[in-house]
Each structure stands twice: as structure tokens, then as C-alpha cells.
C-alpha atoms as a PDB file:
ATOM      1  CA  MET A   1      42.579 181.611 216.079  1.00  0.00           C
ATOM      2  CA  ALA A   2      40.917 179.793 213.183  1.00  0.00           C
ATOM      3  CA  ARG A   3      41.088 182.954 211.100  1.00  0.00           C
ATOM      4  CA  THR A   4      44.746 183.364 211.964  1.00  0.00           C
ATOM      5  CA  GLY A   5      45.491 179.759 211.007  1.00  0.00           C
ATOM      6  CA  GLU A   6      43.649 180.142 207.710  1.00  0.00           C
ATOM      7  CA  LEU A   7      45.566 183.301 206.862  1.00  0.00           C
ATOM      8  CA  ALA A   8      48.875 181.598 207.705  1.00  0.00           C
ATOM      9  CA  ALA A   9      48.000 178.723 205.380  1.00  0.00           C
ATOM     10  CA  VAL A  10      47.081 181.088 202.552  1.00  0.00           C
ATOM     11  CA  MET A  11      50.355 183.045 202.994  1.00  0.00           C
ATOM     12  CA  SER A  12      52.364 179.847 203.079  1.00  0.00           C
ATOM     13  CA  GLU A  13      50.827 178.722 199.769  1.00  0.00           C
ATOM     14  CA  THR A  14      51.338 182.224 198.378  1.00  0.00           C
ATOM     15  CA  ARG A  15      55.062 182.241 199.200  1.00  0.00           C
ATOM     16  CA  LEU A  16      55.544 178.718 197.841  1.00  0.00           C
ATOM     17  CA  ASN A  17      53.798 179.570 194.566  1.00  0.00           C
ATOM     18  CA  ALA A  18      55.832 182.776 194.214  1.00  0.00           C
ATOM     19  CA  ALA A  19      59.129 181.004 194.898  1.00  0.00           C
ATOM     20  CA  LEU A  20      58.396 178.278 192.377  1.00  0.00           C
ATOM     21  CA  GLY A  21      57.183 180.893 189.892  1.00  0.00           C
ATOM     22  CA  TRP A  22      60.336 183.005 190.073  1.00  0.00           C
ATOM     23  CA  LEU A  23      62.531 179.862 189.722  1.00  0.00           C
ATOM     24  CA  LEU A  24      60.634 178.868 186.600  1.00  0.00           C
ATOM     25  CA  LEU A  25      60.959 182.384 185.174  1.00  0.00           C
ATOM     26  CA  LEU A  26      64.715 182.128 185.719  1.00  0.00           C
ATOM     27  CA  ALA A  27      64.678 178.823 183.854  1.00  0.00           C
ATOM     28  CA  ILE A  28      62.690 180.407 181.015  1.00  0.00           C
ATOM     29  CA  ALA A  29      65.245 183.239 180.827  1.00  0.00           C
ATOM     30  CA  LEU A  30      68.097 180.659 180.642  1.00  0.00           C
ATOM     31  CA  VAL A  31      66.394 178.727 177.836  1.00  0.00           C
ATOM     32  CA  GLY A  32      65.731 182.002 176.022  1.00  0.00           C
ATOM     33  CA  THR A  33      69.429 182.873 176.403  1.00  0.00           C
ATOM     34  CA  LYS A  34      70.414 179.531 174.849  1.00  0.00           C
ATOM     35  CA  SER A  35      68.010 180.193 171.978  1.00  0.00           C
ATOM     36  CA  ALA A  36      69.714 183.584 171.473  1.00  0.00           C
ATOM     37  CA  ILE A  37      73.131 181.902 171.379  1.00  0.00           C
ATOM     38  CA  ASP A  38      71.764 179.501 168.733  1.00  0.00           C
ATOM     39  CA  ALA A  39      70.277 182.511 166.817  1.00  0.00           C
ATOM     40  CA  ASP A  40      66.807 180.972 167.155  1.00  0.00           C
ATOM     41  CA  TRP A  41      65.142 184.389 167.328  1.00  0.00           C
ATOM     42  CA  VAL A  42      61.564 183.185 167.124  1.00  0.00           C
ATOM     43  CA  TRP A  43      61.948 181.282 170.373  1.00  0.00           C
ATOM     44  CA  VAL A  44      63.859 184.185 171.921  1.00  0.00           C
ATOM     45  CA  ALA A  45      60.748 186.304 171.162  1.00  0.00           C
ATOM     46  CA  ILE A  46      58.434 183.698 172.747  1.00  0.00           C
ATOM     47  CA  ALA A  47      60.585 183.609 175.902  1.00  0.00           C
ATOM     48  CA  VAL A  48      60.659 187.424 176.101  1.00  0.00           C
ATOM     49  CA  ILE A  49      56.877 187.641 175.636  1.00  0.00           C
ATOM     50  CA  VAL A  50      56.177 185.025 178.293  1.00  0.00           C
ATOM     51  CA  LEU A  51      58.594 186.689 180.709  1.00  0.00           C
ATOM     52  CA  GLY A  52      56.908 190.059 180.101  1.00  0.00           C
ATOM     53  CA  LEU A  53      53.415 188.657 180.641  1.00  0.00           C
ATOM     54  CA  ALA A  54      54.519 186.848 183.803  1.00  0.00           C
ATOM     55  CA  ILE A  55      56.455 189.744 185.351  1.00  0.00           C
ATOM     56  CA  PHE A  56      53.716 192.329 184.578  1.00  0.00           C
ATOM     57  CA  PRO A  57      51.459 191.370 187.556  1.00  0.00           C
ATOM     58  CA  PRO A  58      54.175 191.611 190.320  1.00  0.00           C
ATOM     59  CA  LEU A  59      55.349 194.926 188.781  1.00  0.00           C
ATOM     60  CA  THR A  60      51.827 196.271 188.589  1.00  0.00           C
ATOM     61  CA  PHE A  61      50.966 195.380 192.208  1.00  0.00           C
ATOM     62  CA  ARG A  62      54.522 196.063 193.408  1.00  0.00           C
ATOM     63  CA  ASN A  63      54.589 192.801 195.260  1.00  0.00           C
ATOM     64  CA  PRO A  64      56.911 189.840 194.355  1.00  0.00           C
ATOM     65  CA  LEU A  65      54.387 187.416 195.864  1.00  0.00           C
ATOM     66  CA  VAL A  66      51.865 188.245 193.130  1.00  0.00           C
ATOM     67  CA  MET A  67      52.686 185.495 190.651  1.00  0.00           C
ATOM     68  CA  LEU A  68      50.962 183.287 188.083  1.00  0.00           C
ATOM     69  CA  PRO A  69      50.198 179.720 189.247  1.00  0.00           C
ATOM     70  CA  TRP A  70      53.535 177.938 188.963  1.00  0.00           C
ATOM     71  CA  GLU A  71      51.928 175.151 186.969  1.00  0.00           C
ATOM     72  CA  VAL A  72      51.239 177.624 184.130  1.00  0.00           C
ATOM     73  CA  LEU A  73      54.901 178.538 183.918  1.00  0.00           C
ATOM     74  CA  GLY A  74      55.836 174.874 184.115  1.00  0.00           C
ATOM     75  CA  LEU A  75      53.718 174.195 181.063  1.00  0.00           C
ATOM     76  CA  VAL A  76      55.319 177.185 179.267  1.00  0.00           C
ATOM     77  CA  ILE A  77      58.849 176.045 179.880  1.00  0.00           C
ATOM     78  CA  LEU A  78      58.290 172.514 178.498  1.00  0.00           C
ATOM     79  CA  PRO A  79      58.037 173.490 174.807  1.00  0.00           C
ATOM     80  CA  LEU A  80      60.829 176.065 175.250  1.00  0.00           C
ATOM     81  CA  PHE A  81      63.086 173.367 176.785  1.00  0.00           C
ATOM     82  CA  VAL A  82      62.219 170.736 174.152  1.00  0.00           C
ATOM     83  CA  ARG A  83      62.782 173.190 171.279  1.00  0.00           C
ATOM     84  CA  GLY A  84      65.978 174.574 172.815  1.00  0.00           C
ATOM     85  CA  PHE A  85      67.610 171.247 173.488  1.00  0.00           C
ATOM     86  CA  PHE A  86      66.188 168.661 171.143  1.00  0.00           C
ATOM     87  CA  GLY A  87      64.674 170.057 167.961  1.00  0.00           C
ATOM     88  CA  GLY A  88      63.522 167.798 165.116  1.00  0.00           C
ATOM     89  CA  LEU A  89      59.948 166.450 165.239  1.00  0.00           C
ATOM     90  CA  LEU A  90      59.777 167.193 168.986  1.00  0.00           C
ATOM     91  CA  GLY A  91      60.788 170.746 168.211  1.00  0.00           C
ATOM     92  CA  THR A  92      57.999 171.090 165.650  1.00  0.00           C
ATOM     93  CA  ILE A  93      55.398 169.840 168.159  1.00  0.00           C
ATOM     94  CA  ALA A  94      56.950 172.160 170.760  1.00  0.00           C
ATOM     95  CA  ALA A  95      56.431 175.084 168.371  1.00  0.00           C
ATOM     96  CA  TYR A  96      52.670 174.533 168.405  1.00  0.00           C
ATOM     97  CA  LEU A  97      52.617 174.143 172.129  1.00  0.00           C
ATOM     98  CA  GLY A  98      54.780 177.226 172.583  1.00  0.00           C
ATOM     99  CA  VAL A  99      52.281 179.424 170.717  1.00  0.00           C
ATOM    100  CA  ALA A 100      49.435 177.892 172.826  1.00  0.00           C
ATOM    101  CA  ALA A 101      51.436 178.561 176.011  1.00  0.00           C
ATOM    102  CA  VAL A 102      51.540 182.281 175.253  1.00  0.00           C
ATOM    103  CA  ALA A 103      47.727 182.296 174.833  1.00  0.00           C
ATOM    104  CA  LEU A 104      47.364 180.327 178.042  1.00  0.00           C
ATOM    105  CA  VAL A 105      49.423 182.877 179.980  1.00  0.00           C
ATOM    106  CA  VAL A 106      47.260 185.707 178.614  1.00  0.00           C
ATOM    107  CA  ALA A 107      44.057 183.854 179.713  1.00  0.00           C
ATOM    108  CA  VAL A 108      45.367 183.127 183.194  1.00  0.00           C
ATOM    109  CA  ASP A 109      46.604 186.709 183.609  1.00  0.00           C
ATOM    110  CA  LEU A 110      43.095 187.977 182.793  1.00  0.00           C
ATOM    111  CA  ASP A 111      41.357 185.374 184.951  1.00  0.00           C
ATOM    112  CA  VAL A 112      43.530 185.733 188.031  1.00  0.00           C
ATOM    113  CA  PHE A 113      44.632 189.394 188.068  1.00  0.00           C
ATOM    114  CA  THR A 114      41.594 191.224 186.709  1.00  0.00           C
ATOM    115  CA  PRO A 115      37.869 191.283 187.469  1.00  0.00           C
ATOM    116  CA  VAL A 116      37.244 189.551 184.090  1.00  0.00           C
ATOM    117  CA  ARG A 117      35.216 186.308 184.405  1.00  0.00           C
ATOM    118  CA  MET A 118      34.993 183.844 181.528  1.00  0.00           C
ATOM    119  CA  THR A 119      32.573 180.961 181.272  1.00  0.00           C
ATOM    120  CA  THR A 120      34.161 177.545 180.689  1.00  0.00           C
ATOM    121  CA  TRP A 121      33.338 177.348 176.985  1.00  0.00           C
ATOM    122  CA  PHE A 122      34.284 180.966 176.397  1.00  0.00           C
ATOM    123  CA  ALA A 123      37.663 180.313 178.063  1.00  0.00           C
ATOM    124  CA  VAL A 124      38.308 177.352 175.747  1.00  0.00           C
ATOM    125  CA  ILE A 125      37.364 179.405 172.682  1.00  0.00           C
ATOM    126  CA  PHE A 126      39.351 182.433 173.938  1.00  0.00           C
ATOM    127  CA  VAL A 127      42.556 180.432 174.320  1.00  0.00           C
ATOM    128  CA  GLY A 128      42.018 178.701 170.971  1.00  0.00           C
ATOM    129  CA  VAL A 129      41.416 181.955 169.056  1.00  0.00           C
ATOM    130  CA  THR A 130      44.250 183.734 170.821  1.00  0.00           C
ATOM    131  CA  THR A 131      46.522 180.864 169.832  1.00  0.00           C
ATOM    132  CA  MET A 132      45.422 181.136 166.211  1.00  0.00           C
ATOM    133  CA  ALA A 133      45.976 184.919 166.245  1.00  0.00           C
ATOM    134  CA  THR A 134      49.414 184.490 167.775  1.00  0.00           C
ATOM    135  CA  ALA A 135      50.293 181.846 165.162  1.00  0.00           C
ATOM    136  CA  GLY A 136      49.201 184.280 162.420  1.00  0.00           C
ATOM    137  CA  ILE A 137      51.410 187.078 163.751  1.00  0.00           C
ATOM    138  CA  TRP A 138      54.271 184.640 164.181  1.00  0.00           C
ATOM    139  CA  ALA A 139      53.865 183.462 160.535  1.00  0.00           C
ATOM    140  CA  VAL A 140      53.942 187.086 159.226  1.00  0.00           C
ATOM    141  CA  LEU A 141      57.030 187.901 161.243  1.00  0.00           C
ATOM    142  CA  ARG A 142      58.833 184.843 159.964  1.00  0.00           C
ATOM    143  CA  TRP A 143      57.854 185.646 156.388  1.00  0.00           C
ATOM    144  CA  LEU A 144      59.069 189.228 156.740  1.00  0.00           C
ATOM    145  CA  SER A 145      62.320 187.894 158.220  1.00  0.00           C
ATOM    146  CA  ASP A 146      62.777 185.637 155.148  1.00  0.00           C
ATOM    147  CA  ILE A 147      62.014 188.486 152.719  1.00  0.00           C
ATOM    148  CA  PHE A 148      64.124 191.230 154.265  1.00  0.00           C
ATOM    149  CA  LEU A 149      66.778 189.313 156.224  1.00  0.00           C
ATOM    150  CA  GLY A 150      67.309 186.305 153.945  1.00  0.00           C
ATOM    151  CA  THR A 151      66.418 183.726 156.654  1.00  0.00           C
ATOM    152  CA  THR A 152      64.723 180.398 155.947  1.00  0.00           C
ATOM    153  CA  LEU A 153      62.034 180.417 158.617  1.00  0.00           C
ATOM    154  CA  VAL A 154      59.127 179.962 156.122  1.00  0.00           C
ATOM    155  CA  TYR A 155      60.842 179.169 152.804  1.00  0.00           C
ATOM    156  CA  PRO A 156      63.282 176.220 152.662  1.00  0.00           C
ATOM    157  CA  THR A 157      65.786 178.396 150.760  1.00  0.00           C
ATOM    158  CA  PRO A 158      66.481 182.120 150.960  1.00  0.00           C
ATOM    159  CA  PRO A 159      64.217 184.254 148.668  1.00  0.00           C
ATOM    160  CA  PRO A 160      63.607 184.733 145.814  1.00  0.00           C
ATOM    161  CA  VAL A 161      62.068 181.268 145.442  1.00  0.00           C
ATOM    162  CA  THR A 162      60.322 179.480 142.575  1.00  0.00           C
ATOM    163  CA  PRO A 163      56.513 179.059 142.515  1.00  0.00           C
ATOM    164  CA  ALA A 164      56.919 175.330 143.340  1.00  0.00           C
ATOM    165  CA  VAL A 165      59.001 176.109 146.466  1.00  0.00           C
ATOM    166  CA  GLU A 166      56.535 178.813 147.446  1.00  0.00           C
ATOM    167  CA  GLN A 167      53.644 176.312 147.188  1.00  0.00           C
ATOM    168  CA  ILE A 168      55.482 173.815 149.402  1.00  0.00           C
ATOM    169  CA  ALA A 169      56.160 176.527 151.999  1.00  0.00           C
ATOM    170  CA  LEU A 170      52.509 177.639 151.923  1.00  0.00           C
ATOM    171  CA  GLU A 171      51.283 174.108 152.446  1.00  0.00           C
ATOM    172  CA  ALA A 172      53.661 173.660 155.412  1.00  0.00           C
ATOM    173  CA  LEU A 173      52.451 176.988 156.812  1.00  0.00           C
ATOM    174  CA  MET A 174      48.837 175.824 156.607  1.00  0.00           C
ATOM    175  CA  TRP A 175      49.676 172.671 158.537  1.00  0.00           C
ATOM    176  CA  ASP A 176      51.384 174.926 161.092  1.00  0.00           C
ATOM    177  CA  PHE A 177      48.103 176.709 161.569  1.00  0.00           C
ATOM    178  CA  VAL A 178      46.246 173.411 161.968  1.00  0.00           C
ATOM    179  CA  GLY A 179      48.749 172.247 164.607  1.00  0.00           C
ATOM    180  CA  ALA A 180      48.588 175.560 166.471  1.00  0.00           C
ATOM    181  CA  THR A 181      44.810 175.510 166.484  1.00  0.00           C
ATOM    182  CA  LEU A 182      44.680 171.953 167.938  1.00  0.00           C
ATOM    183  CA  ALA A 183      47.329 172.920 170.525  1.00  0.00           C
ATOM    184  CA  GLY A 184      45.271 176.080 171.376  1.00  0.00           C
ATOM    185  CA  LEU A 185      42.084 174.050 171.929  1.00  0.00           C
ATOM    186  CA  PHE A 186      44.021 171.595 174.086  1.00  0.00           C
ATOM    187  CA  ALA A 187      45.473 174.462 176.159  1.00  0.00           C
ATOM    188  CA  GLY A 188      41.938 175.956 176.431  1.00  0.00           C
ATOM    189  CA  PHE A 189      40.572 172.737 177.911  1.00  0.00           C
ATOM    190  CA  ILE A 190      43.533 172.548 180.312  1.00  0.00           C
ATOM    191  CA  PHE A 191      42.839 176.129 181.385  1.00  0.00           C
ATOM    192  CA  ALA A 192      39.115 175.476 181.878  1.00  0.00           C
ATOM    193  CA  TRP A 193      39.501 172.216 183.669  1.00  0.00           C
ATOM    194  CA  TYR A 194      42.644 172.630 185.763  1.00  0.00           C
ATOM    195  CA  PHE A 195      43.579 176.256 186.290  1.00  0.00           C
ATOM    196  CA  ARG A 196      40.001 177.470 186.960  1.00  0.00           C
ATOM    197  CA  ARG A 197      38.675 174.509 188.893  1.00  0.00           C
ATOM    198  CA  LEU A 198      41.665 172.981 190.670  1.00  0.00           C
ATOM    199  CA  ALA A 199      44.659 175.364 190.725  1.00  0.00           C
ATOM    200  CA  ALA A 200      42.567 178.315 192.016  1.00  0.00           C
ATOM    201  CA  GLY A 201      45.226 180.847 191.112  1.00  0.00           C
ATOM    202  CA  ARG A 202      43.524 183.760 192.911  1.00  0.00           C
ATOM    203  CA  SER A 203      43.602 181.825 196.223  1.00  0.00           C
ATOM    204  CA  ARG A 204      47.418 181.971 196.007  1.00  0.00           C
ATOM    205  CA  LEU A 205      47.552 185.760 195.971  1.00  0.00           C
ATOM    206  CA  PRO A 206      48.152 187.804 199.105  1.00  0.00           C
ATOM    207  CA  PRO A 207      44.691 188.340 200.710  1.00  0.00           C
ATOM    208  CA  GLU A 208      44.802 192.169 200.287  1.00  0.00           C
ATOM    209  CA  ILE A 209      45.596 191.816 196.550  1.00  0.00           C
ATOM    210  CA  ALA A 210      42.821 189.219 196.008  1.00  0.00           C
ATOM    211  CA  GLU A 211      40.326 191.567 197.717  1.00  0.00           C
ATOM    212  CA  ALA A 212      41.442 194.535 195.645  1.00  0.00           C
ATOM    213  CA  ILE A 213      40.901 192.595 192.398  1.00  0.00           C
ATOM    214  CA  GLU A 214      37.403 191.546 193.425  1.00  0.00           C
END
């Protein structure tokens, strides 16, 4: 009876986590749609990447109950929501957190759905470095968009630009890297402290899936 009661509790938590997770994924899709309407393609890309990373586990295991901890997706949607509906300084801060959120999802995916085990400090460094790498790729994509599509994602005016304008854009880009790095380290500490010690994402999986991962 005790075993049956324990299994029922696990399955109840599993279903609740999955339900909240799918609702948050729907919200992320809606915010991504609004970004598409506003032609904010960078944030559309972030929303699509997060959706892909989040949907990959249930598709792989062919089980809709296999879902990231809903708190992870809650953290992801915050910068998307702020950027999509407010902008300004809050939008700039949200940009850093958005990049860190992608790295956080990657780390939680590895920790929960694979046999990979990371020590606390390695987890912090992993999320931080992944954030920096993501920010670098993001910067290159924005620059290419400015060069070939005439956008103003890096440069304040469409190219070609003067050396003075290029220097200003480069300085702003370096501060973007600093902000993304700090956001990545913050996300790393959140991952190490909360998602590994308190959220226990693997305990929210269906028992047969958790055993298969082990």
C-alpha cells in the first residue's frame, strides 16, 4: 500500500508539472507570435529555440508527461514577456536574461533527461560559458542581418557606416557580452542551487522513464 501511495504521489506531481509546462510552452509560442508580428526576429528565434529544446524530450520519449520542470519554463517566459510587451531598458535587461535562459534550458535538459551528471561548480561554469557562446552566435547573426538585410540590430544606422559609428556599435556589443556573461553566471547559480537541489526535475518524470535514464 505504501508503495502504491508513493507511486500515486509521483504520478500526481508528474501530471501537474506536465500540465503547467505545456501551458507555459503555449504562452511562449504566443509571445513568439507577437514578436513575429512586430518583426522582432531575434526574439522569434529565441522563442523557437526554447520551444524546440522543451518539446524535444516528450517527442523523444513519446510521452507528453515527460516535461522540463515548469519553473524553468517560467523563468524563460519572463524575459520573452518583458521584451515583447515593454522594451526600453527592461527590454535590454531581458535580452541578457533571454540568452541565459536558453543556456539554462540546455543544462536542465542534459541534467534531467540524460545520464550526464555535473558537479555544482561545473554546472555554474557550463551555463555561463553556454550563455557566452549563445551571445556570440546571436551577435554574429545580428551583424550579418545588418550587412545583408539592412537592419539596425548592431549598427544604429543601416550599413555602410562611418568608423565612428562602427566604434560605438562595437563598444555597445562588448557591453552586451558583459551583460550576457553576468546573466549566464546568475542562471548557473540558479540552476545549481534550485533546479538540482530543490526542484528535483527527474523526480517529476514517469517512473519508467526515470529508471530508463538511470
